[in-house]
Amino acid sequence: MGKFEITTRKNGEFQFNLKAGNGQVILTSEGYSSKSGCTNGIESVKKNSQDDGKYEKKTSSNGKPYFNLKATNGQIIGNSEMYESVASRDNGIESVKKNAPDAEISDLT
């Protein structure tokens, strides 16, 4: 089962990582000024992760595939790592869809 980990960045902002059952990070959030904002971001991921239309499949300038997960308002709520192949990226999306809805939240701040 996946889990969300809330951490604090060096600049004092809060962020979360969604980790798959194997501990690999599959989605990383932006920085939030408050912990409540970060928690709201997690809830948004849980809600939006099941909608294929909320995933934006991209390719970085160095040719590596990645994806963003967007909220209903179009704002990016999380982005993936860079993958070696399109198939790996698509597997990453499936992993978010599988792990996010029931993931527990671990506060490491």
Protein backbone atom coordinates (compact mmCIF):
# COMPACT_ATOMS: atom_id res chain seq x y z
CA MET A 1 0.00 0.00 0.00
CA GLY A 2 1.22 3.48 -0.81
CA LYS A 3 1.75 6.37 1.57
CA PHE A 4 2.04 10.12 1.52
CA GLU A 5 4.99 11.55 3.43
CA ILE A 6 4.87 15.20 4.47
CA THR A 7 8.30 16.79 4.89
CA THR A 8 9.74 20.27 5.33
CA ARG A 9 12.04 21.76 2.70
CA LYS A 10 15.17 23.70 3.60
CA ASN A 11 13.27 26.94 2.90
CA GLY A 12 10.60 26.01 5.45
CA GLU A 13 7.93 25.05 2.93
CA PHE A 14 5.99 21.81 3.28
CA GLN A 15 5.82 19.21 0.53
CA PHE A 16 4.59 15.66 0.13
CA ASN A 17 5.81 12.62 -1.72
CA LEU A 18 3.51 9.76 -2.68
CA LYS A 19 5.42 6.52 -2.31
CA ALA A 20 4.44 3.16 -3.77
CA GLY A 21 4.32 0.06 -1.59
CA ASN A 22 7.97 -0.63 -2.46
CA GLY A 23 9.02 2.78 -1.09
CA GLN A 24 9.71 4.39 -4.47
CA VAL A 25 8.57 8.00 -4.86
CA ILE A 26 5.95 8.17 -7.63
CA LEU A 27 4.66 11.74 -7.20
CA THR A 28 6.13 14.90 -5.63
CA SER A 29 4.22 18.06 -4.76
CA GLU A 30 5.05 21.71 -5.05
CA GLY A 31 6.10 23.61 -1.94
CA TYR A 32 3.33 24.82 0.39
CA SER A 33 3.63 27.67 2.89
CA SER A 34 1.41 25.88 5.42
CA LYS A 35 0.93 22.29 6.49
CA SER A 36 -2.83 22.63 5.94
CA GLY A 37 -2.17 23.62 2.32
CA CYS A 38 0.00 20.54 1.94
CA THR A 39 -2.73 18.33 3.44
CA ASN A 40 -5.27 19.85 1.04
CA GLY A 41 -2.89 18.98 -1.81
CA ILE A 42 -2.85 15.35 -0.66
CA GLU A 43 -6.65 15.27 -0.62
CA SER A 44 -6.65 16.73 -4.14
CA VAL A 45 -4.31 13.97 -5.34
CA LYS A 46 -6.55 11.32 -3.78
CA LYS A 47 -9.59 12.84 -5.50
CA ASN A 48 -8.05 13.54 -8.92
CA SER A 49 -5.80 10.49 -9.28
CA GLN A 50 -8.56 8.32 -10.76
CA ASP A 51 -9.31 10.68 -13.66
CA ASP A 52 -7.17 9.90 -16.73
CA GLY A 53 -7.88 13.40 -18.02
CA LYS A 54 -6.02 14.94 -15.08
CA TYR A 55 -2.69 13.42 -16.15
CA GLU A 56 -0.53 15.53 -18.42
CA LYS A 57 2.02 13.34 -20.22
CA LYS A 58 5.15 15.33 -21.04
CA THR A 59 8.67 14.93 -22.38
CA SER A 60 11.54 16.89 -20.84
CA SER A 61 14.08 18.87 -22.85
CA ASN A 62 16.49 15.93 -22.59
CA GLY A 63 13.89 13.56 -24.06
CA LYS A 64 12.85 11.80 -20.85
CA PRO A 65 9.12 11.16 -20.34
CA TYR A 66 7.37 12.35 -17.16
CA PHE A 67 3.88 13.38 -16.06
CA ASN A 68 2.04 16.01 -14.05
CA LEU A 69 -1.19 15.46 -12.14
CA LYS A 70 -3.54 18.43 -12.32
CA ALA A 71 -6.41 19.51 -10.10
CA THR A 72 -9.86 20.39 -11.42
CA ASN A 73 -8.76 24.04 -11.71
CA GLY A 74 -5.85 23.03 -13.94
CA GLN A 75 -3.16 23.67 -11.32
CA ILE A 76 -0.37 21.08 -11.09
CA ILE A 77 -0.63 19.25 -7.76
CA GLY A 78 2.17 16.77 -8.31
CA ASN A 79 4.82 15.72 -10.78
CA SER A 80 6.70 12.52 -11.42
CA GLU A 81 10.33 11.64 -11.75
CA MET A 82 11.94 11.44 -15.18
CA TYR A 83 11.48 8.02 -16.75
CA GLU A 84 13.62 6.13 -19.25
CA SER A 85 10.68 5.17 -21.46
CA VAL A 86 7.06 6.07 -22.23
CA ALA A 87 6.03 2.63 -20.95
CA SER A 88 7.74 3.32 -17.61
CA ARG A 89 5.97 6.69 -17.37
CA ASP A 90 2.62 5.07 -18.08
CA ASN A 91 3.35 2.48 -15.38
CA GLY A 92 4.07 5.39 -13.01
CA ILE A 93 0.63 6.85 -13.73
CA GLU A 94 -0.99 3.48 -13.06
CA SER A 95 0.94 3.27 -9.79
CA VAL A 96 -0.41 6.67 -8.68
CA LYS A 97 -3.94 5.58 -9.59
CA LYS A 98 -3.48 2.37 -7.59
CA ASN A 99 -1.72 3.82 -4.53
CA ALA A 100 -3.14 7.31 -3.98
CA PRO A 101 -6.80 6.71 -3.02
CA ASP A 102 -6.13 4.63 0.10
CA ALA A 103 -2.63 5.82 0.98
CA GLU A 104 -1.97 6.65 4.61
CA ILE A 105 -0.43 9.98 5.53
CA SER A 106 2.86 10.06 7.43
CA ASP A 107 3.87 13.43 8.87
CA LEU A 108 7.68 13.61 9.06
CA THR A 109 7.88 17.33 9.94
